[in-house]
Protein backbone atom coordinates (compact mmCIF):
# COMPACT_ATOMS: atom_id res chain seq x y z
CA LEU A 1 12.04 -6.02 18.28
CA THR A 2 13.17 -7.18 15.10
CA ILE A 3 11.54 -9.83 12.95
CA GLU A 4 13.42 -12.20 13.58
CA THR A 5 12.75 -11.84 17.46
CA VAL A 6 8.78 -11.91 16.99
CA PHE A 7 9.07 -14.91 14.89
CA GLU A 8 11.10 -17.08 17.20
CA ASN A 9 8.49 -16.43 20.11
CA LYS A 10 5.36 -17.87 20.02
CA THR A 11 3.66 -14.78 22.29
CA ASN A 12 5.08 -12.15 19.89
CA MET A 13 3.69 -14.82 16.90
CA GLU A 14 0.28 -14.49 18.59
CA ARG A 15 0.63 -11.03 19.39
CA TRP A 16 1.07 -10.04 15.24
CA LEU A 17 -1.53 -12.06 14.46
CA ALA A 18 -4.20 -10.55 16.50
CA TYR A 19 -3.22 -7.00 15.27
CA ILE A 20 -3.77 -8.31 11.62
CA TYR A 21 -7.37 -8.76 12.69
CA THR A 22 -7.94 -5.21 14.43
CA GLY A 23 -9.07 -3.59 11.27
CA ILE A 24 -12.57 -6.16 11.02
CA PRO A 25 -15.27 -2.86 10.78
CA LYS A 26 -16.55 -2.08 14.19
CA PHE A 27 -20.37 -1.41 12.75
CA TYR A 28 -22.82 -0.18 15.06
CA SER A 29 -20.96 2.17 17.19
CA TYR A 30 -22.06 5.87 16.95
CA ASP A 31 -19.58 7.37 14.84
CA GLY A 32 -19.24 4.14 12.20
CA PRO A 33 -21.00 3.43 8.66
CA ASP A 34 -23.98 2.74 10.31
CA ALA A 35 -24.85 6.31 11.69
CA ILE A 36 -24.16 7.76 8.23
CA ALA A 37 -27.34 6.08 6.92
CA ASP A 38 -30.47 5.38 8.86
CA GLU A 39 -29.79 2.62 11.06
CA LEU A 40 -28.69 4.85 13.86
CA ALA A 41 -28.82 8.08 14.98
CA PRO A 42 -26.60 9.75 17.23
CA SER A 43 -27.37 13.25 19.24
CA VAL A 44 -26.43 15.74 17.18
CA GLY A 45 -25.22 17.38 20.69
CA TRP A 46 -21.86 14.82 20.21
CA GLU A 47 -20.92 16.76 17.33
CA SER A 48 -18.61 18.93 19.71
CA GLN A 49 -17.18 15.73 20.90
CA GLY A 50 -15.77 15.25 17.22
CA PHE A 51 -18.83 12.86 16.24
CA LYS A 52 -18.18 13.06 11.97
CA ALA A 53 -21.14 11.17 11.29
CA ILE A 54 -23.64 14.10 12.43
CA LEU A 55 -21.64 15.99 10.18
CA TYR A 56 -22.54 13.14 7.53
CA GLN A 57 -26.18 13.56 8.83
CA ASN A 58 -26.41 17.35 9.05
CA GLY A 59 -24.54 18.28 5.36
CA ASN A 60 -21.64 19.70 6.96
CA TRP A 61 -18.90 17.27 5.97
CA THR A 62 -15.80 18.79 3.74
CA PRO A 63 -12.76 16.82 2.40
CA SER A 64 -11.09 18.43 5.07
CA GLN A 65 -12.32 16.87 7.86
CA GLY A 66 -11.72 13.04 6.99
CA GLY A 67 -13.67 10.11 6.40
CA VAL A 68 -15.97 8.06 9.04
CA ILE A 69 -14.69 4.65 6.90
CA GLY A 70 -11.11 5.50 6.44
CA TYR A 71 -10.12 1.58 4.89
CA TRP A 72 -7.79 3.20 2.71
CA THR A 73 -5.28 4.34 5.36
CA THR A 74 -5.61 1.03 7.22
CA LEU A 75 -6.31 -1.80 5.48
CA PRO A 76 -3.53 -1.64 2.74
CA LYS A 77 -0.33 -1.64 5.78
CA LEU A 78 -2.48 -4.91 7.68
CA ILE A 79 -2.49 -6.57 4.41
CA ARG A 80 1.28 -6.21 4.31
CA GLN A 81 1.29 -7.52 8.15
CA ALA A 82 0.10 -10.40 6.66
CA TYR A 83 1.66 -11.06 4.29
CA ILE A 84 4.92 -10.57 6.14
CA PHE A 85 3.41 -13.13 8.83
CA ILE A 86 2.70 -15.42 6.14
CA ASP A 87 6.89 -15.23 4.76
CA ASN A 88 8.44 -15.23 8.45
CA ALA A 89 6.23 -17.68 10.59
CA HIS A 90 7.38 -21.40 10.90
CA ALA A 91 7.20 -23.72 13.95
CA LEU A 92 8.63 -23.39 17.40
CA GLU A 93 8.99 -25.55 20.09
CA ASP A 94 5.86 -24.72 21.67
CA VAL A 95 3.99 -23.98 18.52
CA SER A 96 3.36 -26.83 15.68
CA GLU A 97 3.52 -26.95 11.78
CA THR A 98 -0.22 -27.84 11.77
CA GLU A 99 -0.73 -24.89 14.11
CA VAL A 100 1.60 -22.01 11.82
CA ALA A 101 -0.31 -23.41 8.90
CA TYR A 102 -3.74 -22.31 10.11
CA MET A 103 -2.55 -18.92 11.42
CA LYS A 104 -0.67 -18.58 7.72
CA ALA A 105 -4.50 -19.55 6.09
CA GLU A 106 -6.26 -16.94 8.53
CA CYS A 107 -3.38 -14.10 7.43
CA ARG A 108 -4.44 -15.72 3.85
CA PHE A 109 -8.14 -14.54 4.52
CA MET A 110 -7.73 -11.66 6.15
CA ILE A 111 -5.68 -10.50 3.19
CA ALA A 112 -8.48 -11.63 0.83
CA TYR A 113 -11.29 -10.27 3.54
CA TYR A 114 -9.70 -6.91 2.72
CA HIS A 115 -9.25 -6.33 -0.47
CA SER A 116 -13.21 -7.38 -0.28
CA LEU A 117 -13.92 -4.15 1.82
CA LEU A 118 -11.76 -2.00 -0.57
CA VAL A 119 -12.96 -3.13 -3.68
CA MET A 120 -16.85 -2.90 -2.34
CA ASN A 121 -15.78 0.57 -0.84
CA TYR A 122 -13.61 2.42 -3.60
CA GLY A 123 -14.57 0.27 -6.69
CA SER A 124 -11.23 -0.86 -8.57
CA VAL A 125 -8.37 -1.01 -6.09
CA PRO A 126 -4.45 -2.18 -6.95
CA ILE A 127 -3.92 -5.86 -5.60
CA ILE A 128 -2.05 -5.35 -2.84
CA LYS A 129 0.74 -7.72 -2.73
CA GLY A 130 3.47 -8.61 -0.05
CA ALA A 131 6.47 -6.04 0.34
CA ALA A 132 9.92 -6.61 1.79
CA VAL A 133 10.69 -5.09 4.45
CA GLY A 134 13.01 -1.87 3.48
CA THR A 135 10.94 -1.69 0.26
CA ASN A 136 11.37 1.76 -1.12
CA ALA A 137 7.94 3.40 -1.22
CA SER A 138 8.56 4.18 -4.67
CA ASP A 139 8.40 0.16 -5.65
CA MET A 140 5.00 -0.23 -3.50
CA MET A 141 3.58 2.55 -5.85
CA LEU A 142 0.49 0.13 -7.66
CA LYS A 143 -2.11 1.31 -10.07
CA GLN A 144 -5.77 -0.04 -10.55
CA SER A 145 -6.82 -3.37 -11.47
CA LYS A 146 -9.43 -3.48 -12.93
CA PHE A 147 -12.65 -4.17 -10.97
CA TYR A 148 -14.09 -7.74 -11.90
CA GLU A 149 -9.87 -8.85 -12.41
CA VAL A 150 -9.79 -7.91 -8.51
CA VAL A 151 -12.99 -9.81 -7.70
CA ASP A 152 -11.72 -12.95 -8.97
CA TRP A 153 -8.83 -12.74 -7.51
CA ILE A 154 -10.56 -12.51 -4.23
CA ALA A 155 -13.31 -15.35 -5.03
CA GLU A 156 -10.65 -17.52 -5.72
CA GLU A 157 -8.43 -16.96 -2.96
CA LEU A 158 -11.39 -17.39 -0.55
CA GLU A 159 -12.60 -20.70 -2.04
CA GLU A 160 -8.85 -21.45 -1.91
CA THR A 161 -8.13 -20.91 2.01
CA ALA A 162 -11.84 -22.29 2.51
CA GLU A 163 -10.00 -25.88 2.52
CA GLN A 164 -7.24 -25.10 4.23
CA LEU A 165 -9.47 -23.75 7.64
CA PRO A 166 -11.03 -25.91 9.40
CA ASN A 167 -15.55 -24.98 9.31
CA PHE A 168 -14.63 -23.97 13.21
CA TYR A 169 -12.64 -24.60 16.53
CA ASP A 170 -12.82 -26.88 19.27
CA ASP A 171 -9.99 -24.62 21.37
CA ALA A 172 -12.51 -22.00 23.02
CA THR A 173 -9.48 -19.96 22.77
CA LYS A 174 -9.93 -19.37 19.19
CA TYR A 175 -13.32 -17.72 19.76
CA GLY A 176 -13.59 -15.54 16.87
CA ARG A 177 -10.50 -16.70 14.82
CA ALA A 178 -11.30 -17.39 10.72
CA THR A 179 -12.50 -20.43 9.82
CA ALA A 180 -13.65 -21.87 6.47
CA LEU A 181 -17.69 -20.75 6.87
CA TRP A 182 -15.71 -17.42 6.77
CA CYS A 183 -14.45 -17.45 3.68
CA HIS A 184 -18.15 -19.05 2.21
CA ALA A 185 -19.68 -15.94 3.51
CA ILE A 186 -17.32 -12.70 2.57
CA ARG A 187 -17.11 -14.62 -0.45
CA ALA A 188 -20.90 -14.76 -1.12
CA ARG A 189 -20.86 -11.76 -0.20
CA LEU A 190 -18.59 -9.91 -2.21
CA LEU A 191 -19.78 -11.92 -5.72
CA THR A 192 -23.54 -10.50 -4.68
CA PHE A 193 -22.11 -7.10 -4.79
CA ALA A 194 -20.04 -7.12 -8.04
CA ALA A 195 -23.44 -9.09 -9.91
CA SER A 196 -25.43 -6.08 -8.34
CA PRO A 197 -26.75 -3.16 -10.85
CA LEU A 198 -24.36 -0.99 -8.84
CA VAL A 199 -21.44 -2.18 -10.87
CA ASN A 200 -22.32 -4.76 -12.83
CA GLY A 201 -23.58 -2.90 -16.50
CA ASN A 202 -23.73 0.16 -14.63
CA PRO A 203 -24.04 2.74 -17.16
CA ALA A 204 -22.48 5.96 -14.65
CA MET A 205 -19.51 3.40 -14.82
CA GLN A 206 -19.01 2.52 -18.40
CA ASN A 207 -16.39 5.73 -18.84
CA VAL A 208 -14.60 4.94 -16.18
CA VAL A 209 -10.80 4.31 -16.65
CA ASN A 210 -7.28 3.92 -15.04
CA ILE A 211 -4.42 5.54 -15.53
CA ASP A 212 -3.19 3.34 -18.46
CA GLY A 213 -6.77 4.36 -19.92
CA GLU A 214 -8.71 1.19 -19.93
CA ASN A 215 -11.82 0.67 -18.99
CA ILE A 216 -12.09 -0.41 -15.05
CA PHE A 217 -16.08 -1.93 -14.85
């Protein structure tokens, strides 16, 4: 399908939006982040079935085996997909201007939410902006932004997006769609993390710099 074909059809447009939601973490899986810690204890017999979490638990994990948390390989792609939606979605005969505005706000929320996951897991990350279809790979190479610049940008995006989304939907088919309450909840979680001793005044972070030699934290 071409971009034009996608956004001239309600079903295709909704499928594109639904795909952006696929990066939401699936916690409480036997091979997820919770299994690395002590919330779950998968059977060691499952190691032969490829459960990476058991390798973490037993101290047998190596860099070549990949991570249980793979946000860096998935979320930037979904962020770009969300920007493409914002740039191309428009009202159709069976999709109102109001509905399109909600969907674009959902995309804006997902962009901010995925940045929050990146920054809480990896520390300082680039602020990923939209890139047009066909953009050269070299033009999409981004460098780390300072940690609190990213946090402040996300917090502002979530605050503004909360004003564009309803607190809840009356339509039962929209169960699970982003709302203003999501925006406030994720913003609160992010700011609590950013204020914690883990990154706020942590002496271990004092000399961490980016490619320009600027202190990140």
